[in-house]
Amino acid sequence: MKVVTKLAKMEFTIGTLVRKDDFLIMESGDDTETMKFRAQITPEDVVATIKAGLNLQVLFYVLQLPILLRRRQRLEHQKSRAPSRQASPK
């Protein structure tokens, strides 16, 4: 996931999402990340996220996820199989 703000551009992965008391706790997943995070998500945050996601664009995106994921996997596979373009030694 990429986050871009006026202060910083960051990329992070979500590792865990667990319930603790009345909150959801989200923590970073990659041990190699230089900036680890821990987010406390309130019930109001969850309701706001659900409301924001209940529109046709988001629902259509969710329905297309299998196709989008397969396309990305295929492109990554093609990139990994592409021959390197290094100059041959003379």
C-alpha atoms as a PDB file:
ATOM      1  CA  MET A   1       0.000   0.000   0.000  1.00  0.00           C
ATOM      2  CA  LYS A   2       1.343   3.440  -0.864  1.00  0.00           C
ATOM      3  CA  VAL A   3       0.604   6.542   1.174  1.00  0.00           C
ATOM      4  CA  VAL A   4       1.429   9.942  -0.275  1.00  0.00           C
ATOM      5  CA  THR A   5       1.106  13.110   1.798  1.00  0.00           C
ATOM      6  CA  LYS A   6       2.673  16.555   1.768  1.00  0.00           C
ATOM      7  CA  LEU A   7       5.076  15.344   4.444  1.00  0.00           C
ATOM      8  CA  ALA A   8       6.124  11.948   3.105  1.00  0.00           C
ATOM      9  CA  LYS A   9       5.755   9.227   0.512  1.00  0.00           C
ATOM     10  CA  MET A  10       5.658   5.787   2.104  1.00  0.00           C
ATOM     11  CA  GLU A  11       5.016   2.222   1.147  1.00  0.00           C
ATOM     12  CA  PHE A  12       4.049  -0.313   3.766  1.00  0.00           C
ATOM     13  CA  THR A  13       2.442  -3.700   4.136  1.00  0.00           C
ATOM     14  CA  ILE A  14      -0.301  -4.716   6.524  1.00  0.00           C
ATOM     15  CA  GLY A  15       0.814  -7.660   8.614  1.00  0.00           C
ATOM     16  CA  THR A  16      -1.805  -8.176  11.271  1.00  0.00           C
ATOM     17  CA  LEU A  17      -5.299  -6.941  11.977  1.00  0.00           C
ATOM     18  CA  VAL A  18      -6.618  -8.045  15.372  1.00  0.00           C
ATOM     19  CA  ARG A  19      -9.307  -7.000  17.792  1.00  0.00           C
ATOM     20  CA  LYS A  20      -8.245  -5.552  21.151  1.00  0.00           C
ATOM     21  CA  ASP A  21     -11.047  -4.393  23.430  1.00  0.00           C
ATOM     22  CA  ASP A  22     -13.278  -2.096  21.363  1.00  0.00           C
ATOM     23  CA  PHE A  23     -10.686  -1.443  18.661  1.00  0.00           C
ATOM     24  CA  LEU A  24      -9.016  -3.100  15.690  1.00  0.00           C
ATOM     25  CA  ILE A  25      -5.234  -2.944  15.822  1.00  0.00           C
ATOM     26  CA  MET A  26      -3.356  -2.926  12.512  1.00  0.00           C
ATOM     27  CA  GLU A  27       0.404  -3.463  12.501  1.00  0.00           C
ATOM     28  CA  SER A  28       3.039  -3.468   9.794  1.00  0.00           C
ATOM     29  CA  GLY A  29       3.899  -6.802   8.301  1.00  0.00           C
ATOM     30  CA  ASP A  30       7.360  -6.609   6.849  1.00  0.00           C
ATOM     31  CA  ASP A  31      10.228  -6.824   9.338  1.00  0.00           C
ATOM     32  CA  THR A  32      12.518  -5.067   6.849  1.00  0.00           C
ATOM     33  CA  GLU A  33      10.424  -1.904   6.801  1.00  0.00           C
ATOM     34  CA  THR A  34      12.321   1.062   8.183  1.00  0.00           C
ATOM     35  CA  MET A  35       9.175   2.701   9.512  1.00  0.00           C
ATOM     36  CA  LYS A  36       6.981   0.240  11.362  1.00  0.00           C
ATOM     37  CA  PHE A  37       3.443   1.278  12.211  1.00  0.00           C
ATOM     38  CA  ARG A  38       0.647   0.438  14.586  1.00  0.00           C
ATOM     39  CA  ALA A  39      -2.816   1.884  13.975  1.00  0.00           C
ATOM     40  CA  GLN A  40      -5.764   1.814  16.341  1.00  0.00           C
ATOM     41  CA  ILE A  41      -9.042   1.694  14.405  1.00  0.00           C
ATOM     42  CA  THR A  42     -12.215   2.776  16.176  1.00  0.00           C
ATOM     43  CA  PRO A  43     -15.711   1.431  15.527  1.00  0.00           C
ATOM     44  CA  GLU A  44     -16.527   4.816  13.939  1.00  0.00           C
ATOM     45  CA  ASP A  45     -13.569   4.377  11.555  1.00  0.00           C
ATOM     46  CA  VAL A  46     -14.904   0.977  10.479  1.00  0.00           C
ATOM     47  CA  VAL A  47     -18.414   2.357   9.870  1.00  0.00           C
ATOM     48  CA  ALA A  48     -16.983   5.291   7.872  1.00  0.00           C
ATOM     49  CA  THR A  49     -14.891   2.881   5.766  1.00  0.00           C
ATOM     50  CA  ILE A  50     -17.915   0.680   5.044  1.00  0.00           C
ATOM     51  CA  LYS A  51     -20.007   3.718   4.080  1.00  0.00           C
ATOM     52  CA  ALA A  52     -17.232   5.004   1.802  1.00  0.00           C
ATOM     53  CA  GLY A  53     -16.989   1.589   0.139  1.00  0.00           C
ATOM     54  CA  LEU A  54     -20.691   1.293  -0.602  1.00  0.00           C
ATOM     55  CA  ASN A  55     -20.648   2.967  -3.986  1.00  0.00           C
ATOM     56  CA  LEU A  56     -20.756   1.498  -7.465  1.00  0.00           C
ATOM     57  CA  GLN A  57     -17.108   2.201  -8.316  1.00  0.00           C
ATOM     58  CA  VAL A  58     -15.798   0.359  -5.255  1.00  0.00           C
ATOM     59  CA  LEU A  59     -18.263  -2.518  -5.573  1.00  0.00           C
ATOM     60  CA  PHE A  60     -17.357  -2.924  -9.258  1.00  0.00           C
ATOM     61  CA  TYR A  61     -13.656  -2.936  -8.310  1.00  0.00           C
ATOM     62  CA  VAL A  62     -14.246  -5.643  -5.695  1.00  0.00           C
ATOM     63  CA  LEU A  63     -16.096  -7.771  -8.258  1.00  0.00           C
ATOM     64  CA  GLN A  64     -13.168  -7.380 -10.675  1.00  0.00           C
ATOM     65  CA  LEU A  65     -10.499  -8.370  -8.128  1.00  0.00           C
ATOM     66  CA  PRO A  66      -9.963 -11.928  -9.443  1.00  0.00           C
ATOM     67  CA  ILE A  67      -9.347 -10.558 -12.938  1.00  0.00           C
ATOM     68  CA  LEU A  68      -7.119  -7.718 -11.719  1.00  0.00           C
ATOM     69  CA  LEU A  69      -5.022 -10.016  -9.532  1.00  0.00           C
ATOM     70  CA  ARG A  70      -4.564 -12.561 -12.317  1.00  0.00           C
ATOM     71  CA  ARG A  71      -3.494  -9.808 -14.721  1.00  0.00           C
ATOM     72  CA  ARG A  72      -0.906  -8.492 -12.236  1.00  0.00           C
ATOM     73  CA  GLN A  73       0.437 -12.003 -11.610  1.00  0.00           C
ATOM     74  CA  ARG A  74       0.778 -12.605 -15.344  1.00  0.00           C
ATOM     75  CA  LEU A  75       2.649  -9.306 -15.845  1.00  0.00           C
ATOM     76  CA  GLU A  76       5.018 -10.065 -12.951  1.00  0.00           C
ATOM     77  CA  HIS A  77       5.664 -13.527 -14.388  1.00  0.00           C
ATOM     78  CA  GLN A  78       6.467 -12.032 -17.790  1.00  0.00           C
ATOM     79  CA  LYS A  79       8.863  -9.518 -16.226  1.00  0.00           C
ATOM     80  CA  SER A  80      10.702 -12.256 -14.345  1.00  0.00           C
ATOM     81  CA  ARG A  81      11.095 -14.352 -17.503  1.00  0.00           C
ATOM     82  CA  ALA A  82      12.284 -11.468 -19.712  1.00  0.00           C
ATOM     83  CA  PRO A  83      15.944 -11.855 -20.745  1.00  0.00           C
ATOM     84  CA  SER A  84      18.322  -9.323 -19.225  1.00  0.00           C
ATOM     85  CA  ARG A  85      19.516  -6.686 -21.637  1.00  0.00           C
ATOM     86  CA  GLN A  86      23.150  -6.480 -20.625  1.00  0.00           C
ATOM     87  CA  ALA A  87      25.792  -5.870 -23.254  1.00  0.00           C
ATOM     88  CA  SER A  88      27.705  -8.989 -24.160  1.00  0.00           C
ATOM     89  CA  PRO A  89      31.437  -8.955 -23.290  1.00  0.00           C
ATOM     90  CA  LYS A  90      33.847  -8.515 -26.210  1.00  0.00           C
END
